[in-house]
Amino acid sequence: MELINQKSIQRTDNQLLALTHVSQLLTYVTGFGGLIVPLVIWLSSKDSVEGMDEHGKSIINFQLSMLLFLAISVPAILLLGLGLLGFLFVGIIGFILPIVNAIKAANGESPSHFATIRFI
């Protein structure tokens, strides 16, 4: 009798990787979905989809970094309005980078780690 380990078999699903990156844009619609939805997708398919672990960690690290930058920007508003630049930075980068990474994921490339602190 031969035992087969099903967990070691991973499928390639670039569309799911791209969808996971695009789901970060839910932050602009719901305010919090950009962290929860990619987290659920990553945790549910990190063992079955090739590259999901790398992309999922990248997404979670990026979202946590953006939250940290926003938290730092709030008190920085009192320092000559520098926090407003922080809000502008997070707003622009938080919108553009998920789209860029979704295109990279659809093409089978590694995600960009621009402005990302590695927590995980």
N, C-alpha and C. Protein backbone atom coordinates (compact mmCIF):
# COMPACT_ATOMS: atom_id res chain seq x y z
N MET A 1 0.84 -1.17 0.00
CA MET A 1 0.00 0.00 0.00
C MET A 1 0.89 1.24 0.00
N GLU A 2 0.58 2.16 -0.87
CA GLU A 2 1.41 3.36 -1.03
C GLU A 2 0.67 4.58 -0.48
N LEU A 3 1.37 5.35 0.33
CA LEU A 3 0.79 6.56 0.88
C LEU A 3 1.21 7.76 0.04
N ILE A 4 0.25 8.59 -0.27
CA ILE A 4 0.52 9.79 -1.06
C ILE A 4 0.20 11.00 -0.21
N ASN A 5 1.15 11.90 -0.13
CA ASN A 5 0.95 13.13 0.64
C ASN A 5 0.32 14.17 -0.28
N GLN A 6 -0.95 14.45 -0.08
CA GLN A 6 -1.68 15.39 -0.94
C GLN A 6 -1.29 16.84 -0.69
N LYS A 7 -0.77 17.17 0.50
CA LYS A 7 -0.42 18.55 0.81
C LYS A 7 0.78 19.04 0.01
N SER A 8 1.62 18.15 -0.47
CA SER A 8 2.80 18.57 -1.19
C SER A 8 2.49 18.94 -2.64
N ILE A 9 1.31 18.58 -3.12
CA ILE A 9 0.93 18.91 -4.49
C ILE A 9 0.30 20.30 -4.49
N GLN A 10 0.94 21.22 -5.23
CA GLN A 10 0.43 22.58 -5.31
C GLN A 10 0.06 22.90 -6.75
N ARG A 11 -1.00 23.65 -6.91
CA ARG A 11 -1.43 24.04 -8.25
C ARG A 11 -1.01 25.48 -8.50
N THR A 12 -0.84 25.81 -9.76
CA THR A 12 -0.50 27.17 -10.15
C THR A 12 -1.80 27.91 -10.48
N ASP A 13 -2.05 29.01 -9.76
CA ASP A 13 -3.27 29.78 -9.96
C ASP A 13 -2.94 31.27 -9.88
N ASN A 14 -2.43 31.79 -10.98
CA ASN A 14 -2.03 33.20 -11.01
C ASN A 14 -3.22 34.14 -10.88
N GLN A 15 -4.41 33.71 -11.30
CA GLN A 15 -5.59 34.55 -11.18
C GLN A 15 -5.98 34.75 -9.71
N LEU A 16 -5.85 33.70 -8.91
CA LEU A 16 -6.15 33.83 -7.49
C LEU A 16 -5.14 34.73 -6.81
N LEU A 17 -3.87 34.63 -7.20
CA LEU A 17 -2.85 35.52 -6.65
C LEU A 17 -3.16 36.97 -6.99
N ALA A 18 -3.54 37.22 -8.24
CA ALA A 18 -3.88 38.59 -8.65
C ALA A 18 -5.12 39.08 -7.92
N LEU A 19 -6.12 38.23 -7.76
CA LEU A 19 -7.34 38.60 -7.05
C LEU A 19 -7.04 38.93 -5.59
N THR A 20 -6.12 38.19 -5.00
CA THR A 20 -5.73 38.45 -3.62
C THR A 20 -5.11 39.84 -3.49
N HIS A 21 -4.28 40.22 -4.46
CA HIS A 21 -3.69 41.56 -4.42
C HIS A 21 -4.74 42.64 -4.65
N VAL A 22 -5.65 42.42 -5.59
CA VAL A 22 -6.68 43.42 -5.88
C VAL A 22 -7.65 43.56 -4.71
N SER A 23 -7.84 42.51 -3.93
CA SER A 23 -8.76 42.58 -2.80
C SER A 23 -8.30 43.57 -1.73
N GLN A 24 -7.04 43.99 -1.80
CA GLN A 24 -6.56 45.01 -0.87
C GLN A 24 -7.27 46.34 -1.09
N LEU A 25 -7.79 46.56 -2.28
CA LEU A 25 -8.47 47.81 -2.59
C LEU A 25 -9.82 47.91 -1.87
N LEU A 26 -10.26 46.85 -1.21
CA LEU A 26 -11.48 46.92 -0.40
C LEU A 26 -11.33 47.91 0.75
N THR A 27 -10.11 48.26 1.09
CA THR A 27 -9.88 49.27 2.12
C THR A 27 -10.55 50.57 1.74
N TYR A 28 -10.53 50.91 0.47
CA TYR A 28 -11.12 52.16 0.02
C TYR A 28 -12.64 52.10 -0.02
N VAL A 29 -13.21 50.90 0.03
CA VAL A 29 -14.66 50.74 0.01
C VAL A 29 -15.21 50.54 1.42
N THR A 30 -14.62 49.61 2.17
CA THR A 30 -15.15 49.25 3.49
C THR A 30 -14.34 49.84 4.64
N GLY A 31 -13.09 50.19 4.40
CA GLY A 31 -12.24 50.73 5.45
C GLY A 31 -11.37 49.70 6.14
N PHE A 32 -11.77 48.43 6.12
CA PHE A 32 -10.98 47.41 6.80
C PHE A 32 -10.84 46.12 6.00
N GLY A 33 -11.61 45.95 4.95
CA GLY A 33 -11.61 44.71 4.18
C GLY A 33 -10.30 44.41 3.48
N GLY A 34 -9.47 45.43 3.26
CA GLY A 34 -8.20 45.24 2.57
C GLY A 34 -7.20 44.43 3.35
N LEU A 35 -7.44 44.23 4.63
CA LEU A 35 -6.57 43.37 5.44
C LEU A 35 -7.22 42.01 5.70
N ILE A 36 -8.51 42.00 5.94
CA ILE A 36 -9.20 40.77 6.34
C ILE A 36 -9.36 39.81 5.16
N VAL A 37 -9.81 40.29 4.03
CA VAL A 37 -10.06 39.40 2.88
C VAL A 37 -8.78 38.74 2.37
N PRO A 38 -7.68 39.50 2.14
CA PRO A 38 -6.45 38.81 1.72
C PRO A 38 -5.92 37.84 2.78
N LEU A 39 -6.13 38.17 4.06
CA LEU A 39 -5.69 37.28 5.13
C LEU A 39 -6.44 35.96 5.07
N VAL A 40 -7.75 36.01 4.85
CA VAL A 40 -8.55 34.79 4.77
C VAL A 40 -8.15 33.97 3.53
N ILE A 41 -7.97 34.64 2.39
CA ILE A 41 -7.58 33.93 1.17
C ILE A 41 -6.21 33.29 1.35
N TRP A 42 -5.28 34.03 1.95
CA TRP A 42 -3.92 33.51 2.16
C TRP A 42 -3.93 32.29 3.08
N LEU A 43 -4.63 32.41 4.22
CA LEU A 43 -4.64 31.32 5.19
C LEU A 43 -5.35 30.08 4.65
N SER A 44 -6.35 30.28 3.80
CA SER A 44 -7.09 29.12 3.30
C SER A 44 -6.40 28.42 2.13
N SER A 45 -5.49 29.12 1.43
CA SER A 45 -4.91 28.48 0.24
C SER A 45 -3.40 28.55 0.17
N LYS A 46 -2.73 28.86 1.27
CA LYS A 46 -1.27 28.98 1.21
C LYS A 46 -0.57 27.64 0.97
N ASP A 47 -1.21 26.54 1.34
CA ASP A 47 -0.60 25.23 1.13
C ASP A 47 -0.97 24.61 -0.21
N SER A 48 -2.03 25.10 -0.84
CA SER A 48 -2.50 24.46 -2.07
C SER A 48 -2.17 25.24 -3.34
N VAL A 49 -1.81 26.51 -3.23
CA VAL A 49 -1.51 27.32 -4.42
C VAL A 49 -0.04 27.71 -4.39
N GLU A 50 0.63 27.45 -5.50
CA GLU A 50 2.05 27.77 -5.62
C GLU A 50 2.25 29.29 -5.59
N GLY A 51 3.12 29.75 -4.70
CA GLY A 51 3.43 31.17 -4.59
C GLY A 51 2.52 31.95 -3.66
N MET A 52 1.45 31.32 -3.16
CA MET A 52 0.51 32.04 -2.31
C MET A 52 1.14 32.45 -0.98
N ASP A 53 2.02 31.63 -0.45
CA ASP A 53 2.65 31.97 0.82
C ASP A 53 3.48 33.24 0.68
N GLU A 54 4.27 33.34 -0.38
CA GLU A 54 5.09 34.53 -0.61
C GLU A 54 4.23 35.77 -0.84
N HIS A 55 3.22 35.65 -1.69
CA HIS A 55 2.36 36.79 -1.99
C HIS A 55 1.50 37.17 -0.79
N GLY A 56 1.00 36.18 -0.06
CA GLY A 56 0.19 36.45 1.12
C GLY A 56 0.96 37.18 2.20
N LYS A 57 2.18 36.74 2.45
CA LYS A 57 3.02 37.43 3.44
C LYS A 57 3.32 38.85 2.99
N SER A 58 3.56 39.01 1.70
CA SER A 58 3.82 40.35 1.16
C SER A 58 2.62 41.27 1.37
N ILE A 59 1.42 40.76 1.13
CA ILE A 59 0.20 41.55 1.29
C ILE A 59 -0.02 41.93 2.74
N ILE A 60 0.11 40.97 3.64
CA ILE A 60 -0.12 41.24 5.06
C ILE A 60 0.92 42.22 5.58
N ASN A 61 2.19 42.04 5.21
CA ASN A 61 3.23 42.98 5.62
C ASN A 61 2.95 44.38 5.07
N PHE A 62 2.49 44.47 3.83
CA PHE A 62 2.19 45.77 3.23
C PHE A 62 1.03 46.45 3.96
N GLN A 63 -0.03 45.71 4.24
CA GLN A 63 -1.18 46.30 4.91
C GLN A 63 -0.83 46.73 6.34
N LEU A 64 -0.05 45.94 7.04
CA LEU A 64 0.38 46.33 8.39
C LEU A 64 1.29 47.55 8.34
N SER A 65 2.14 47.63 7.32
CA SER A 65 3.01 48.80 7.16
C SER A 65 2.20 50.05 6.90
N MET A 66 1.17 49.95 6.06
CA MET A 66 0.33 51.11 5.78
C MET A 66 -0.42 51.55 7.03
N LEU A 67 -0.90 50.59 7.83
CA LEU A 67 -1.55 50.94 9.09
C LEU A 67 -0.59 51.64 10.04
N LEU A 68 0.64 51.17 10.10
CA LEU A 68 1.64 51.81 10.94
C LEU A 68 1.96 53.22 10.47
N PHE A 69 2.09 53.40 9.15
CA PHE A 69 2.36 54.72 8.61
C PHE A 69 1.20 55.68 8.88
N LEU A 70 -0.03 55.18 8.82
CA LEU A 70 -1.19 56.01 9.16
C LEU A 70 -1.18 56.38 10.63
N ALA A 71 -0.84 55.43 11.48
CA ALA A 71 -0.80 55.71 12.93
C ALA A 71 0.28 56.74 13.26
N ILE A 72 1.37 56.71 12.54
CA ILE A 72 2.44 57.69 12.76
C ILE A 72 2.04 59.05 12.18
N SER A 73 1.26 59.06 11.12
CA SER A 73 0.88 60.31 10.47
C SER A 73 -0.10 61.13 11.30
N VAL A 74 -0.92 60.48 12.10
CA VAL A 74 -1.91 61.21 12.89
C VAL A 74 -1.25 62.20 13.86
N PRO A 75 -0.31 61.79 14.71
CA PRO A 75 0.33 62.79 15.57
C PRO A 75 1.29 63.70 14.81
N ALA A 76 1.76 63.25 13.65
CA ALA A 76 2.69 64.07 12.87
C ALA A 76 2.00 65.27 12.23
N ILE A 77 0.68 65.30 12.23
CA ILE A 77 -0.04 66.47 11.71
C ILE A 77 0.28 67.69 12.56
N LEU A 78 0.51 67.48 13.83
CA LEU A 78 0.83 68.59 14.72
C LEU A 78 2.23 69.15 14.47
N LEU A 79 3.09 68.38 13.81
CA LEU A 79 4.44 68.83 13.51
C LEU A 79 4.49 69.44 12.12
N LEU A 80 4.07 70.67 12.02
CA LEU A 80 4.10 71.43 10.78
C LEU A 80 3.31 70.77 9.65
N GLY A 81 2.33 69.97 9.99
CA GLY A 81 1.49 69.35 8.97
C GLY A 81 2.15 68.22 8.20
N LEU A 82 3.25 67.66 8.72
CA LEU A 82 3.94 66.58 8.02
C LEU A 82 3.09 65.32 7.92
N GLY A 83 2.13 65.18 8.80
CA GLY A 83 1.25 64.02 8.75
C GLY A 83 0.38 64.01 7.51
N LEU A 84 0.08 65.21 6.98
CA LEU A 84 -0.71 65.27 5.75
C LEU A 84 0.05 64.64 4.59
N LEU A 85 1.36 64.83 4.58
CA LEU A 85 2.18 64.16 3.55
C LEU A 85 2.16 62.64 3.74
N GLY A 86 2.13 62.22 5.00
CA GLY A 86 2.03 60.79 5.30
C GLY A 86 0.72 60.21 4.80
N PHE A 87 -0.39 60.93 5.03
CA PHE A 87 -1.69 60.48 4.52
C PHE A 87 -1.70 60.41 3.00
N LEU A 88 -1.10 61.39 2.37
CA LEU A 88 -1.03 61.41 0.91
C LEU A 88 -0.20 60.23 0.39
N PHE A 89 0.94 59.97 1.04
CA PHE A 89 1.80 58.85 0.67
C PHE A 89 1.06 57.53 0.78
N VAL A 90 0.39 57.31 1.92
CA VAL A 90 -0.32 56.05 2.14
C VAL A 90 -1.48 55.91 1.15
N GLY A 91 -2.16 57.00 0.88
CA GLY A 91 -3.28 56.94 -0.06
C GLY A 91 -2.84 56.57 -1.47
N ILE A 92 -1.75 57.17 -1.93
CA ILE A 92 -1.28 56.90 -3.30
C ILE A 92 -0.63 55.52 -3.40
N ILE A 93 0.29 55.23 -2.50
CA ILE A 93 0.98 53.93 -2.53
C ILE A 93 0.02 52.78 -2.24
N GLY A 94 -0.92 53.00 -1.33
CA GLY A 94 -1.90 51.97 -1.00
C GLY A 94 -2.84 51.65 -2.14
N PHE A 95 -2.97 52.55 -3.10
CA PHE A 95 -3.82 52.31 -4.26
C PHE A 95 -3.04 51.74 -5.44
N ILE A 96 -1.83 52.24 -5.65
CA ILE A 96 -1.05 51.86 -6.84
C ILE A 96 -0.36 50.50 -6.66
N LEU A 97 0.27 50.27 -5.51
CA LEU A 97 1.06 49.05 -5.34
C LEU A 97 0.25 47.76 -5.43
N PRO A 98 -0.98 47.67 -4.89
CA PRO A 98 -1.75 46.43 -5.09
C PRO A 98 -2.04 46.15 -6.57
N ILE A 99 -2.26 47.19 -7.36
CA ILE A 99 -2.52 46.99 -8.79
C ILE A 99 -1.25 46.50 -9.48
N VAL A 100 -0.11 47.12 -9.16
CA VAL A 100 1.17 46.70 -9.75
C VAL A 100 1.47 45.25 -9.37
N ASN A 101 1.27 44.90 -8.10
CA ASN A 101 1.54 43.54 -7.66
C ASN A 101 0.55 42.53 -8.24
N ALA A 102 -0.68 42.95 -8.50
CA ALA A 102 -1.64 42.05 -9.14
C ALA A 102 -1.20 41.74 -10.57
N ILE A 103 -0.69 42.74 -11.27
CA ILE A 103 -0.19 42.51 -12.63
C ILE A 103 1.02 41.59 -12.59
N LYS A 104 1.92 41.81 -11.62
CA LYS A 104 3.08 40.94 -11.48
C LYS A 104 2.65 39.50 -11.16
N ALA A 105 1.67 39.35 -10.27
CA ALA A 105 1.20 38.01 -9.91
C ALA A 105 0.56 37.31 -11.10
N ALA A 106 -0.18 38.05 -11.90
CA ALA A 106 -0.81 37.45 -13.09
C ALA A 106 0.24 36.99 -14.10
N ASN A 107 1.40 37.65 -14.10
CA ASN A 107 2.49 37.26 -15.00
C ASN A 107 3.44 36.25 -14.38
N GLY A 108 3.17 35.84 -13.13
CA GLY A 108 4.00 34.84 -12.48
C GLY A 108 5.26 35.39 -11.85
N GLU A 109 5.31 36.69 -11.57
CA GLU A 109 6.49 37.32 -10.98
C GLU A 109 6.31 37.49 -9.47
N SER A 110 7.41 37.77 -8.77
CA SER A 110 7.36 38.03 -7.35
C SER A 110 6.82 39.43 -7.08
N PRO A 111 6.16 39.62 -5.92
CA PRO A 111 5.59 40.94 -5.62
C PRO A 111 6.66 41.96 -5.26
N SER A 112 6.32 43.23 -5.43
CA SER A 112 7.21 44.33 -5.05
C SER A 112 7.06 44.58 -3.55
N HIS A 113 8.16 44.88 -2.90
CA HIS A 113 8.15 45.13 -1.46
C HIS A 113 8.43 46.58 -1.14
N PHE A 114 8.03 47.50 -2.03
CA PHE A 114 8.26 48.92 -1.83
C PHE A 114 7.47 49.41 -0.62
N ALA A 115 8.12 50.18 0.24
CA ALA A 115 7.50 50.78 1.43
C ALA A 115 6.89 49.75 2.36
N THR A 116 7.50 48.57 2.44
CA THR A 116 6.96 47.49 3.26
C THR A 116 7.95 47.10 4.33
N ILE A 117 7.47 47.06 5.57
CA ILE A 117 8.25 46.55 6.69
C ILE A 117 7.92 45.07 6.83
N ARG A 118 8.91 44.24 6.96
CA ARG A 118 8.66 42.79 7.03
C ARG A 118 8.35 42.41 8.49
N PHE A 119 7.10 42.15 8.76
CA PHE A 119 6.66 41.71 10.07
C PHE A 119 6.64 40.19 10.15
N ILE A 120 6.19 39.55 9.07
CA ILE A 120 6.05 38.08 9.04
C ILE A 120 7.20 37.51 8.24
